[in-house]
Amino acid sequence: MNQVDARGLSCPIPVVRTRKAMKADPNTTFTVLVDEMTQVENVTRLGNSNGYEVEVEDYEGAYMLTLTPR
């Protein structure tokens, strides 16, 4: 599973890196690590609008989003 570590980066960088991962391999499940709830909301919106199911969980003081193609 691929991972995008966007902790410590401000928007829109987490969204840009997530979009890049989606384009690189659109049929692969991957995770995105972010620090803030705003980033969670933005990445979730991007994932949902591009056909991914998004699950969010707490991860070592941050958030881990798992994006799975539908």
PDB file of N, CA and C in Angstrom:
ATOM      1  N   MET A   1       0.846  -1.175   0.000  1.00  0.00           N
ATOM      2  CA  MET A   1       0.000   0.000   0.000  1.00  0.00           C
ATOM      3  C   MET A   1       0.894   1.243   0.000  1.00  0.00           C
ATOM      4  N   ASN A   2       0.549   2.200  -0.823  1.00  0.00           N
ATOM      5  CA  ASN A   2       1.297   3.448  -0.910  1.00  0.00           C
ATOM      6  C   ASN A   2       0.877   4.394   0.205  1.00  0.00           C
ATOM      7  N   GLN A   3       1.752   5.335   0.541  1.00  0.00           N
ATOM      8  CA  GLN A   3       1.448   6.286   1.596  1.00  0.00           C
ATOM      9  C   GLN A   3       1.924   7.678   1.200  1.00  0.00           C
ATOM     10  N   VAL A   4       1.041   8.667   1.437  1.00  0.00           N
ATOM     11  CA  VAL A   4       1.382  10.072   1.249  1.00  0.00           C
ATOM     12  C   VAL A   4       1.488  10.665   2.650  1.00  0.00           C
ATOM     13  N   ASP A   5       2.674  11.109   3.016  1.00  0.00           N
ATOM     14  CA  ASP A   5       2.863  11.711   4.334  1.00  0.00           C
ATOM     15  C   ASP A   5       2.878  13.226   4.163  1.00  0.00           C
ATOM     16  N   ALA A   6       1.752  13.858   4.495  1.00  0.00           N
ATOM     17  CA  ALA A   6       1.615  15.306   4.331  1.00  0.00           C
ATOM     18  C   ALA A   6       1.558  16.008   5.682  1.00  0.00           C
ATOM     19  N   ARG A   7       2.040  15.335   6.718  1.00  0.00           N
ATOM     20  CA  ARG A   7       2.071  15.971   8.039  1.00  0.00           C
ATOM     21  C   ARG A   7       3.032  17.147   8.006  1.00  0.00           C
ATOM     22  N   GLY A   8       2.621  18.237   8.641  1.00  0.00           N
ATOM     23  CA  GLY A   8       3.452  19.419   8.707  1.00  0.00           C
ATOM     24  C   GLY A   8       3.356  20.321   7.491  1.00  0.00           C
ATOM     25  N   LEU A   9       2.566  19.929   6.503  1.00  0.00           N
ATOM     26  CA  LEU A   9       2.404  20.721   5.289  1.00  0.00           C
ATOM     27  C   LEU A   9       1.049  21.418   5.311  1.00  0.00           C
ATOM     28  N   SER A  10       1.008  22.650   4.849  1.00  0.00           N
ATOM     29  CA  SER A  10      -0.258  23.370   4.843  1.00  0.00           C
ATOM     30  C   SER A  10      -0.980  23.183   3.513  1.00  0.00           C
ATOM     31  N   CYS A  11      -2.278  23.401   3.539  1.00  0.00           N
ATOM     32  CA  CYS A  11      -3.085  23.285   2.320  1.00  0.00           C
ATOM     33  C   CYS A  11      -2.640  24.350   1.337  1.00  0.00           C
ATOM     34  N   PRO A  12      -2.626  24.016   0.078  1.00  0.00           N
ATOM     35  CA  PRO A  12      -3.239  22.863  -0.578  1.00  0.00           C
ATOM     36  C   PRO A  12      -2.286  21.699  -0.829  1.00  0.00           C
ATOM     37  N   ILE A  13      -1.094  21.695  -0.238  1.00  0.00           N
ATOM     38  CA  ILE A  13      -0.095  20.670  -0.545  1.00  0.00           C
ATOM     39  C   ILE A  13      -0.609  19.244  -0.287  1.00  0.00           C
ATOM     40  N   PRO A  14      -1.302  18.943   0.840  1.00  0.00           N
ATOM     41  CA  PRO A  14      -1.813  17.582   1.014  1.00  0.00           C
ATOM     42  C   PRO A  14      -2.761  17.148  -0.110  1.00  0.00           C
ATOM     43  N   VAL A  15      -3.588  18.073  -0.579  1.00  0.00           N
ATOM     44  CA  VAL A  15      -4.508  17.761  -1.675  1.00  0.00           C
ATOM     45  C   VAL A  15      -3.736  17.535  -2.970  1.00  0.00           C
ATOM     46  N   VAL A  16      -2.753  18.355  -3.231  1.00  0.00           N
ATOM     47  CA  VAL A  16      -1.947  18.219  -4.450  1.00  0.00           C
ATOM     48  C   VAL A  16      -1.216  16.876  -4.458  1.00  0.00           C
ATOM     49  N   ARG A  17      -0.626  16.514  -3.340  1.00  0.00           N
ATOM     50  CA  ARG A  17       0.096  15.231  -3.270  1.00  0.00           C
ATOM     51  C   ARG A  17      -0.853  14.040  -3.363  1.00  0.00           C
ATOM     52  N   THR A  18      -2.044  14.183  -2.793  1.00  0.00           N
ATOM     53  CA  THR A  18      -3.044  13.108  -2.896  1.00  0.00           C
ATOM     54  C   THR A  18      -3.487  12.945  -4.338  1.00  0.00           C
ATOM     55  N   ARG A  19      -3.752  14.045  -5.010  1.00  0.00           N
ATOM     56  CA  ARG A  19      -4.159  13.986  -6.421  1.00  0.00           C
ATOM     57  C   ARG A  19      -3.069  13.320  -7.259  1.00  0.00           C
ATOM     58  N   LYS A  20      -1.818  13.643  -6.983  1.00  0.00           N
ATOM     59  CA  LYS A  20      -0.692  13.040  -7.713  1.00  0.00           C
ATOM     60  C   LYS A  20      -0.670  11.523  -7.505  1.00  0.00           C
ATOM     61  N   ALA A  21      -0.904  11.071  -6.269  1.00  0.00           N
ATOM     62  CA  ALA A  21      -0.939   9.633  -5.979  1.00  0.00           C
ATOM     63  C   ALA A  21      -2.101   8.957  -6.701  1.00  0.00           C
ATOM     64  N   MET A  22      -3.231   9.637  -6.774  1.00  0.00           N
ATOM     65  CA  MET A  22      -4.394   9.084  -7.485  1.00  0.00           C
ATOM     66  C   MET A  22      -4.073   8.882  -8.966  1.00  0.00           C
ATOM     67  N   LYS A  23      -3.441   9.868  -9.558  1.00  0.00           N
ATOM     68  CA  LYS A  23      -3.118   9.791 -10.985  1.00  0.00           C
ATOM     69  C   LYS A  23      -2.038   8.753 -11.263  1.00  0.00           C
ATOM     70  N   ALA A  24      -1.096   8.588 -10.339  1.00  0.00           N
ATOM     71  CA  ALA A  24       0.010   7.649 -10.541  1.00  0.00           C
ATOM     72  C   ALA A  24      -0.487   6.210 -10.635  1.00  0.00           C
ATOM     73  N   ASP A  25      -1.465   5.861  -9.816  1.00  0.00           N
ATOM     74  CA  ASP A  25      -1.997   4.495  -9.837  1.00  0.00           C
ATOM     75  C   ASP A  25      -3.440   4.514  -9.334  1.00  0.00           C
ATOM     76  N   PRO A  26      -4.393   4.801 -10.239  1.00  0.00           N
ATOM     77  CA  PRO A  26      -5.785   5.006  -9.830  1.00  0.00           C
ATOM     78  C   PRO A  26      -6.496   3.775  -9.274  1.00  0.00           C
ATOM     79  N   ASN A  27      -5.924   2.604  -9.404  1.00  0.00           N
ATOM     80  CA  ASN A  27      -6.595   1.391  -8.919  1.00  0.00           C
ATOM     81  C   ASN A  27      -5.996   0.852  -7.632  1.00  0.00           C
ATOM     82  N   THR A  28      -5.200   1.668  -6.962  1.00  0.00           N
ATOM     83  CA  THR A  28      -4.515   1.228  -5.758  1.00  0.00           C
ATOM     84  C   THR A  28      -5.067   1.922  -4.518  1.00  0.00           C
ATOM     85  N   THR A  29      -5.205   1.164  -3.446  1.00  0.00           N
ATOM     86  CA  THR A  29      -5.555   1.729  -2.149  1.00  0.00           C
ATOM     87  C   THR A  29      -4.304   2.364  -1.560  1.00  0.00           C
ATOM     88  N   PHE A  30      -4.453   3.549  -0.979  1.00  0.00           N
ATOM     89  CA  PHE A  30      -3.315   4.198  -0.347  1.00  0.00           C
ATOM     90  C   PHE A  30      -3.771   5.001   0.858  1.00  0.00           C
ATOM     91  N   THR A  31      -2.805   5.413   1.680  1.00  0.00           N
ATOM     92  CA  THR A  31      -3.113   6.199   2.868  1.00  0.00           C
ATOM     93  C   THR A  31      -2.503   7.583   2.751  1.00  0.00           C
ATOM     94  N   VAL A  32      -3.139   8.522   3.449  1.00  0.00           N
ATOM     95  CA  VAL A  32      -2.664   9.901   3.505  1.00  0.00           C
ATOM     96  C   VAL A  32      -2.598  10.287   4.976  1.00  0.00           C
ATOM     97  N   LEU A  33      -1.459  10.795   5.416  1.00  0.00           N
ATOM     98  CA  LEU A  33      -1.295  11.263   6.791  1.00  0.00           C
ATOM     99  C   LEU A  33      -1.313  12.788   6.799  1.00  0.00           C
ATOM    100  N   VAL A  34      -2.182  13.365   7.643  1.00  0.00           N
ATOM    101  CA  VAL A  34      -2.293  14.819   7.767  1.00  0.00           C
ATOM    102  C   VAL A  34      -2.428  15.196   9.233  1.00  0.00           C
ATOM    103  N   ASP A  35      -2.232  16.496   9.510  1.00  0.00           N
ATOM    104  CA  ASP A  35      -2.249  16.996  10.888  1.00  0.00           C
ATOM    105  C   ASP A  35      -3.572  17.609  11.325  1.00  0.00           C
ATOM    106  N   GLU A  36      -4.298  18.220  10.407  1.00  0.00           N
ATOM    107  CA  GLU A  36      -5.427  19.062  10.777  1.00  0.00           C
ATOM    108  C   GLU A  36      -6.739  18.573  10.182  1.00  0.00           C
ATOM    109  N   MET A  37      -7.832  18.901  10.873  1.00  0.00           N
ATOM    110  CA  MET A  37      -9.158  18.477  10.420  1.00  0.00           C
ATOM    111  C   MET A  37      -9.516  19.109   9.078  1.00  0.00           C
ATOM    112  N   THR A  38      -9.077  20.323   8.825  1.00  0.00           N
ATOM    113  CA  THR A  38      -9.341  20.954   7.525  1.00  0.00           C
ATOM    114  C   THR A  38      -8.729  20.135   6.399  1.00  0.00           C
ATOM    115  N   GLN A  39      -7.536  19.612   6.620  1.00  0.00           N
ATOM    116  CA  GLN A  39      -6.889  18.771   5.618  1.00  0.00           C
ATOM    117  C   GLN A  39      -7.653  17.464   5.437  1.00  0.00           C
ATOM    118  N   VAL A  40      -8.157  16.915   6.532  1.00  0.00           N
ATOM    119  CA  VAL A  40      -8.984  15.699   6.456  1.00  0.00           C
ATOM    120  C   VAL A  40     -10.192  15.962   5.567  1.00  0.00           C
ATOM    121  N   GLU A  41     -10.867  17.078   5.810  1.00  0.00           N
ATOM    122  CA  GLU A  41     -12.063  17.418   5.034  1.00  0.00           C
ATOM    123  C   GLU A  41     -11.732  17.613   3.560  1.00  0.00           C
ATOM    124  N   ASN A  42     -10.635  18.310   3.269  1.00  0.00           N
ATOM    125  CA  ASN A  42     -10.273  18.572   1.874  1.00  0.00           C
ATOM    126  C   ASN A  42      -9.871  17.302   1.129  1.00  0.00           C
ATOM    127  N   VAL A  43      -9.078  16.460   1.761  1.00  0.00           N
ATOM    128  CA  VAL A  43      -8.658  15.206   1.121  1.00  0.00           C
ATOM    129  C   VAL A  43      -9.856  14.262   0.970  1.00  0.00           C
ATOM    130  N   THR A  44     -10.732  14.238   1.962  1.00  0.00           N
ATOM    131  CA  THR A  44     -11.940  13.408   1.867  1.00  0.00           C
ATOM    132  C   THR A  44     -12.811  13.852   0.696  1.00  0.00           C
ATOM    133  N   ARG A  45     -12.995  15.146   0.565  1.00  0.00           N
ATOM    134  CA  ARG A  45     -13.801  15.686  -0.538  1.00  0.00           C
ATOM    135  C   ARG A  45     -13.177  15.310  -1.886  1.00  0.00           C
ATOM    136  N   LEU A  46     -11.851  15.441  -1.993  1.00  0.00           N
ATOM    137  CA  LEU A  46     -11.156  15.067  -3.224  1.00  0.00           C
ATOM    138  C   LEU A  46     -11.351  13.582  -3.521  1.00  0.00           C
ATOM    139  N   GLY A  47     -11.144  12.753  -2.516  1.00  0.00           N
ATOM    140  CA  GLY A  47     -11.299  11.315  -2.713  1.00  0.00           C
ATOM    141  C   GLY A  47     -12.699  10.937  -3.156  1.00  0.00           C
ATOM    142  N   ASN A  48     -13.704  11.457  -2.457  1.00  0.00           N
ATOM    143  CA  ASN A  48     -15.093  11.140  -2.800  1.00  0.00           C
ATOM    144  C   ASN A  48     -15.448  11.596  -4.214  1.00  0.00           C
ATOM    145  N   SER A  49     -14.972  12.767  -4.611  1.00  0.00           N
ATOM    146  CA  SER A  49     -15.303  13.280  -5.939  1.00  0.00           C
ATOM    147  C   SER A  49     -14.571  12.536  -7.055  1.00  0.00           C
ATOM    148  N   ASN A  50     -13.555  11.750  -6.686  1.00  0.00           N
ATOM    149  CA  ASN A  50     -12.808  10.973  -7.679  1.00  0.00           C
ATOM    150  C   ASN A  50     -13.059   9.472  -7.577  1.00  0.00           C
ATOM    151  N   GLY A  51     -14.126   9.095  -6.881  1.00  0.00           N
ATOM    152  CA  GLY A  51     -14.529   7.689  -6.851  1.00  0.00           C
ATOM    153  C   GLY A  51     -13.826   6.831  -5.821  1.00  0.00           C
ATOM    154  N   TYR A  52     -13.350   7.421  -4.746  1.00  0.00           N
ATOM    155  CA  TYR A  52     -12.704   6.663  -3.680  1.00  0.00           C
ATOM    156  C   TYR A  52     -13.581   6.632  -2.447  1.00  0.00           C
ATOM    157  N   GLU A  53     -13.538   5.523  -1.743  1.00  0.00           N
ATOM    158  CA  GLU A  53     -14.132   5.435  -0.418  1.00  0.00           C
ATOM    159  C   GLU A  53     -13.049   5.885   0.551  1.00  0.00           C
ATOM    160  N   VAL A  54     -13.396   6.762   1.496  1.00  0.00           N
ATOM    161  CA  VAL A  54     -12.408   7.330   2.403  1.00  0.00           C
ATOM    162  C   VAL A  54     -12.751   6.964   3.838  1.00  0.00           C
ATOM    163  N   GLU A  55     -11.792   6.374   4.529  1.00  0.00           N
ATOM    164  CA  GLU A  55     -11.927   6.073   5.956  1.00  0.00           C
ATOM    165  C   GLU A  55     -10.891   6.893   6.711  1.00  0.00           C
ATOM    166  N   VAL A  56     -11.304   7.446   7.861  1.00  0.00           N
ATOM    167  CA  VAL A  56     -10.422   8.301   8.653  1.00  0.00           C
ATOM    168  C   VAL A  56     -10.252   7.695  10.037  1.00  0.00           C
ATOM    169  N   GLU A  57      -9.007   7.697  10.526  1.00  0.00           N
ATOM    170  CA  GLU A  57      -8.761   7.247  11.893  1.00  0.00           C
ATOM    171  C   GLU A  57      -7.626   8.065  12.495  1.00  0.00           C
ATOM    172  N   ASP A  58      -7.616   8.140  13.819  1.00  0.00           N
ATOM    173  CA  ASP A  58      -6.524   8.814  14.519  1.00  0.00           C
ATOM    174  C   ASP A  58      -5.260   7.982  14.356  1.00  0.00           C
ATOM    175  N   TYR A  59      -4.128   8.681  14.217  1.00  0.00           N
ATOM    176  CA  TYR A  59      -2.865   7.989  13.992  1.00  0.00           C
ATOM    177  C   TYR A  59      -1.728   8.804  14.599  1.00  0.00           C
ATOM    178  N   GLU A  60      -1.240   8.374  15.723  1.00  0.00           N
ATOM    179  CA  GLU A  60      -0.076   8.980  16.370  1.00  0.00           C
ATOM    180  C   GLU A  60      -0.161  10.502  16.448  1.00  0.00           C
ATOM    181  N   GLY A  61      -1.278  11.019  16.944  1.00  0.00           N
ATOM    182  CA  GLY A  61      -1.452  12.456  17.088  1.00  0.00           C
ATOM    183  C   GLY A  61      -1.823  13.174  15.803  1.00  0.00           C
ATOM    184  N   ALA A  62      -2.074  12.424  14.753  1.00  0.00           N
ATOM    185  CA  ALA A  62      -2.468  12.992  13.465  1.00  0.00           C
ATOM    186  C   ALA A  62      -3.690  12.210  12.973  1.00  0.00           C
ATOM    187  N   TYR A  63      -3.952  12.284  11.686  1.00  0.00           N
ATOM    188  CA  TYR A  63      -5.060  11.548  11.079  1.00  0.00           C
ATOM    189  C   TYR A  63      -4.525  10.720   9.920  1.00  0.00           C
ATOM    190  N   MET A  64      -5.043   9.507   9.793  1.00  0.00           N
ATOM    191  CA  MET A  64      -4.703   8.660   8.653  1.00  0.00           C
ATOM    192  C   MET A  64      -5.968   8.409   7.854  1.00  0.00           C
ATOM    193  N   LEU A  65      -5.942   8.795   6.594  1.00  0.00           N
ATOM    194  CA  LEU A  65      -7.055   8.560   5.691  1.00  0.00           C
ATOM    195  C   LEU A  65      -6.671   7.405   4.770  1.00  0.00           C
ATOM    196  N   THR A  66      -7.537   6.431   4.655  1.00  0.00           N
ATOM    197  CA  THR A  66      -7.330   5.324   3.724  1.00  0.00           C
ATOM    198  C   THR A  66      -8.278   5.531   2.558  1.00  0.00           C
ATOM    199  N   LEU A  67      -7.737   5.656   1.366  1.00  0.00           N
ATOM    200  CA  LEU A  67      -8.527   5.873   0.168  1.00  0.00           C
ATOM    201  C   LEU A  67      -8.528   4.589  -0.657  1.00  0.00           C
ATOM    202  N   THR A  68      -9.717   4.063  -0.878  1.00  0.00           N
ATOM    203  CA  THR A  68      -9.899   2.815  -1.600  1.00  0.00           C
ATOM    204  C   THR A  68     -10.743   3.070  -2.831  1.00  0.00           C
ATOM    205  N   PRO A  69     -10.260   2.682  -4.022  1.00  0.00           N
ATOM    206  CA  PRO A  69     -11.066   2.895  -5.231  1.00  0.00           C
ATOM    207  C   PRO A  69     -12.361   2.102  -5.132  1.00  0.00           C
ATOM    208  N   ARG A  70     -13.434   2.711  -5.618  1.00  0.00           N
ATOM    209  CA  ARG A  70     -14.739   2.009  -5.621  1.00  0.00           C
ATOM    210  C   ARG A  70     -14.863   1.135  -6.822  1.00  0.00           C
TER     211      ARG A  70
END
